């Protein structure tokens, strides 16, 4: 699994858990709809750390909380 896929899945799961829409997250973080769509549809081969931090803050989490998920511990996680 690619890192961009893991990020998209984690964000998607957190949005469901927090009962938050992607649109709401875009507004809170000031991330453009096109950027968020590209991230969530895994069109980006690499994800900008600044964007990840905006998302983490928009979700009201710490960096440790965001990355504390088994998806980031997978042996097949590709960091391209």
N, C-alpha and C. Protein backbone atom coordinates (compact mmCIF):
# COMPACT_ATOMS: atom_id res chain seq x y z
N UNK A 1 0.83 -1.17 0.00
CA UNK A 1 0.00 0.00 0.00
C UNK A 1 0.88 1.23 0.00
N UNK A 2 0.51 2.20 -0.79
CA UNK A 2 1.26 3.46 -0.86
C UNK A 2 0.88 4.36 0.31
N UNK A 3 1.82 5.21 0.71
CA UNK A 3 1.58 6.15 1.80
C UNK A 3 0.39 7.05 1.49
N UNK A 4 0.27 7.49 0.24
CA UNK A 4 -0.85 8.36 -0.13
C UNK A 4 -2.19 7.65 0.06
N UNK A 5 -2.23 6.35 -0.19
CA UNK A 5 -3.45 5.56 0.02
C UNK A 5 -3.75 5.48 1.51
N UNK A 6 -2.73 5.24 2.31
CA UNK A 6 -2.92 5.14 3.77
C UNK A 6 -3.43 6.46 4.33
N UNK A 7 -2.88 7.58 3.87
CA UNK A 7 -3.33 8.90 4.34
C UNK A 7 -4.80 9.11 3.97
N UNK A 8 -5.15 8.82 2.72
CA UNK A 8 -6.54 9.01 2.27
C UNK A 8 -7.50 8.14 3.08
N UNK A 9 -7.12 6.90 3.33
CA UNK A 9 -7.99 6.00 4.11
C UNK A 9 -8.12 6.49 5.55
N UNK A 10 -7.02 6.94 6.13
CA UNK A 10 -7.07 7.43 7.51
C UNK A 10 -7.97 8.66 7.61
N UNK A 11 -7.84 9.59 6.69
CA UNK A 11 -8.67 10.79 6.71
C UNK A 11 -10.14 10.41 6.52
N UNK A 12 -10.40 9.54 5.60
CA UNK A 12 -11.77 9.09 5.35
C UNK A 12 -12.39 8.46 6.60
N UNK A 13 -11.64 7.59 7.26
CA UNK A 13 -12.12 6.94 8.48
C UNK A 13 -12.37 7.96 9.59
N UNK A 14 -11.47 8.92 9.72
CA UNK A 14 -11.63 9.93 10.76
C UNK A 14 -12.83 10.84 10.49
N UNK A 15 -13.05 11.16 9.22
CA UNK A 15 -14.23 11.96 8.88
C UNK A 15 -15.51 11.24 9.29
N UNK A 16 -15.55 9.95 9.03
CA UNK A 16 -16.72 9.15 9.45
C UNK A 16 -16.86 9.14 10.96
N UNK A 17 -15.75 8.88 11.66
CA UNK A 17 -15.78 8.82 13.12
C UNK A 17 -16.25 10.13 13.74
N UNK A 18 -15.82 11.24 13.14
CA UNK A 18 -16.16 12.55 13.68
C UNK A 18 -17.44 13.12 13.08
N UNK A 19 -18.09 12.32 12.23
CA UNK A 19 -19.32 12.75 11.58
C UNK A 19 -19.13 14.11 10.90
N UNK A 20 -18.03 14.22 10.16
CA UNK A 20 -17.65 15.45 9.49
C UNK A 20 -17.58 15.20 7.99
N UNK A 21 -17.99 16.17 7.22
CA UNK A 21 -17.91 16.04 5.77
C UNK A 21 -16.55 16.52 5.28
N UNK A 22 -16.21 16.08 4.11
CA UNK A 22 -14.97 16.55 3.48
C UNK A 22 -15.07 18.06 3.25
N UNK A 23 -16.24 18.52 2.85
CA UNK A 23 -16.46 19.95 2.62
C UNK A 23 -16.16 20.75 3.89
N UNK A 24 -16.65 20.27 5.02
CA UNK A 24 -16.41 20.96 6.29
C UNK A 24 -14.92 21.00 6.61
N UNK A 25 -14.23 19.91 6.39
CA UNK A 25 -12.79 19.88 6.63
C UNK A 25 -12.07 20.86 5.71
N UNK A 26 -12.50 20.93 4.46
CA UNK A 26 -11.90 21.89 3.52
C UNK A 26 -12.05 23.31 4.04
N UNK A 27 -13.22 23.64 4.57
CA UNK A 27 -13.47 25.00 5.07
C UNK A 27 -12.66 25.30 6.32
N UNK A 28 -12.58 24.33 7.23
CA UNK A 28 -11.82 24.52 8.47
C UNK A 28 -10.34 24.72 8.18
N UNK A 29 -9.81 23.95 7.23
CA UNK A 29 -8.37 23.95 6.95
C UNK A 29 -7.96 24.94 5.87
N UNK A 30 -8.92 25.47 5.13
CA UNK A 30 -8.65 26.35 3.99
C UNK A 30 -7.87 25.62 2.89
N UNK A 31 -8.06 24.32 2.80
CA UNK A 31 -7.49 23.53 1.72
C UNK A 31 -8.50 23.55 0.58
N UNK A 32 -8.02 23.82 -0.61
CA UNK A 32 -8.93 23.91 -1.75
C UNK A 32 -9.60 22.57 -2.02
N UNK A 33 -10.77 22.66 -2.61
CA UNK A 33 -11.52 21.45 -2.95
C UNK A 33 -10.70 20.57 -3.90
N UNK A 34 -10.05 21.17 -4.88
CA UNK A 34 -9.25 20.40 -5.84
C UNK A 34 -8.11 19.65 -5.15
N UNK A 35 -7.45 20.31 -4.22
CA UNK A 35 -6.36 19.67 -3.49
C UNK A 35 -6.88 18.51 -2.65
N UNK A 36 -7.98 18.75 -1.95
CA UNK A 36 -8.55 17.70 -1.09
C UNK A 36 -9.04 16.53 -1.95
N UNK A 37 -9.65 16.82 -3.08
CA UNK A 37 -10.12 15.75 -3.97
C UNK A 37 -8.95 14.92 -4.48
N UNK A 38 -7.88 15.59 -4.86
CA UNK A 38 -6.70 14.89 -5.36
C UNK A 38 -6.10 14.00 -4.26
N UNK A 39 -6.06 14.51 -3.04
CA UNK A 39 -5.54 13.72 -1.92
C UNK A 39 -6.44 12.52 -1.65
N UNK A 40 -7.73 12.74 -1.59
CA UNK A 40 -8.66 11.66 -1.23
C UNK A 40 -8.82 10.62 -2.34
N UNK A 41 -8.63 11.03 -3.58
CA UNK A 41 -8.73 10.07 -4.69
C UNK A 41 -7.36 9.48 -5.04
N UNK A 42 -6.36 9.83 -4.24
CA UNK A 42 -5.01 9.29 -4.36
C UNK A 42 -4.33 9.65 -5.69
N UNK A 43 -4.69 10.81 -6.22
CA UNK A 43 -4.03 11.27 -7.45
C UNK A 43 -2.64 11.81 -7.15
N UNK A 44 -2.39 12.20 -5.93
CA UNK A 44 -1.04 12.62 -5.54
C UNK A 44 -0.21 11.38 -5.25
N UNK A 45 0.98 11.33 -5.81
CA UNK A 45 1.85 10.20 -5.50
C UNK A 45 2.58 10.45 -4.18
N UNK A 46 2.72 11.69 -3.81
CA UNK A 46 3.28 12.03 -2.50
C UNK A 46 2.42 13.15 -1.91
N UNK A 47 2.29 13.11 -0.61
CA UNK A 47 1.45 14.07 0.08
C UNK A 47 2.35 15.05 0.82
N UNK A 48 2.08 16.31 0.66
CA UNK A 48 2.83 17.37 1.30
C UNK A 48 2.60 17.33 2.81
N UNK A 49 3.66 17.38 3.60
CA UNK A 49 3.50 17.31 5.05
C UNK A 49 2.73 18.50 5.59
N UNK A 50 2.89 19.63 4.98
CA UNK A 50 2.14 20.82 5.41
C UNK A 50 0.64 20.57 5.28
N UNK A 51 0.23 19.96 4.19
CA UNK A 51 -1.18 19.63 3.97
C UNK A 51 -1.66 18.64 5.02
N UNK A 52 -0.85 17.64 5.31
CA UNK A 52 -1.21 16.67 6.34
C UNK A 52 -1.40 17.37 7.68
N UNK A 53 -0.50 18.28 8.01
CA UNK A 53 -0.61 18.99 9.29
C UNK A 53 -1.87 19.85 9.33
N UNK A 54 -2.24 20.47 8.22
CA UNK A 54 -3.48 21.25 8.17
C UNK A 54 -4.67 20.34 8.45
N UNK A 55 -4.67 19.17 7.85
CA UNK A 55 -5.75 18.22 8.05
C UNK A 55 -5.80 17.76 9.50
N UNK A 56 -4.65 17.42 10.06
CA UNK A 56 -4.59 16.96 11.45
C UNK A 56 -5.17 18.02 12.38
N UNK A 57 -4.76 19.25 12.20
CA UNK A 57 -5.28 20.34 13.04
C UNK A 57 -6.77 20.57 12.80
N UNK A 58 -7.19 20.46 11.54
CA UNK A 58 -8.60 20.62 11.22
C UNK A 58 -9.47 19.55 11.86
N UNK A 59 -8.89 18.38 12.06
CA UNK A 59 -9.61 17.29 12.71
C UNK A 59 -9.51 17.37 14.23
N UNK A 60 -8.77 18.36 14.73
CA UNK A 60 -8.64 18.55 16.17
C UNK A 60 -7.83 17.46 16.85
N UNK A 61 -6.78 17.02 16.18
CA UNK A 61 -5.96 15.92 16.67
C UNK A 61 -4.50 16.36 16.81
N UNK A 62 -3.75 15.52 17.49
CA UNK A 62 -2.31 15.70 17.50
C UNK A 62 -1.72 14.85 16.37
N UNK A 63 -0.50 15.11 16.02
CA UNK A 63 0.18 14.31 15.01
C UNK A 63 0.27 12.85 15.46
N UNK A 64 0.58 12.66 16.73
CA UNK A 64 0.69 11.30 17.27
C UNK A 64 -0.64 10.56 17.16
N UNK A 65 -1.74 11.24 17.46
CA UNK A 65 -3.06 10.60 17.36
C UNK A 65 -3.38 10.21 15.92
N UNK A 66 -3.05 11.08 14.98
CA UNK A 66 -3.33 10.80 13.57
C UNK A 66 -2.58 9.56 13.11
N UNK A 67 -1.30 9.49 13.43
CA UNK A 67 -0.47 8.38 12.95
C UNK A 67 -0.54 7.14 13.83
N UNK A 68 -1.29 7.21 14.93
CA UNK A 68 -1.46 6.05 15.80
C UNK A 68 -2.59 5.17 15.25
N UNK A 69 -2.28 4.51 14.16
CA UNK A 69 -3.25 3.65 13.49
C UNK A 69 -2.49 2.50 12.83
N UNK A 70 -3.04 1.31 12.88
CA UNK A 70 -2.35 0.15 12.29
C UNK A 70 -2.02 0.30 10.80
N UNK A 71 -2.75 1.16 10.11
CA UNK A 71 -2.50 1.33 8.67
C UNK A 71 -1.08 1.84 8.41
N UNK A 72 -0.51 2.59 9.37
CA UNK A 72 0.84 3.13 9.20
C UNK A 72 1.92 2.16 9.67
N UNK A 73 1.52 1.02 10.22
CA UNK A 73 2.47 0.02 10.69
C UNK A 73 2.61 -1.15 9.74
N UNK A 74 1.91 -1.10 8.63
CA UNK A 74 1.95 -2.20 7.67
C UNK A 74 3.34 -2.40 7.10
N UNK A 75 3.71 -3.64 6.93
CA UNK A 75 5.02 -3.98 6.36
C UNK A 75 5.11 -3.57 4.90
N UNK A 76 3.98 -3.55 4.19
CA UNK A 76 4.00 -3.24 2.77
C UNK A 76 3.76 -1.77 2.46
N UNK A 77 3.87 -0.89 3.46
CA UNK A 77 3.66 0.54 3.25
C UNK A 77 4.80 1.11 2.40
N UNK A 78 4.45 1.56 1.21
CA UNK A 78 5.45 2.11 0.28
C UNK A 78 5.57 3.61 0.49
N UNK A 79 6.78 4.07 0.68
CA UNK A 79 7.03 5.49 0.86
C UNK A 79 7.73 6.00 -0.38
N UNK A 80 6.91 6.37 -1.38
CA UNK A 80 7.47 6.85 -2.65
C UNK A 80 7.38 8.35 -2.75
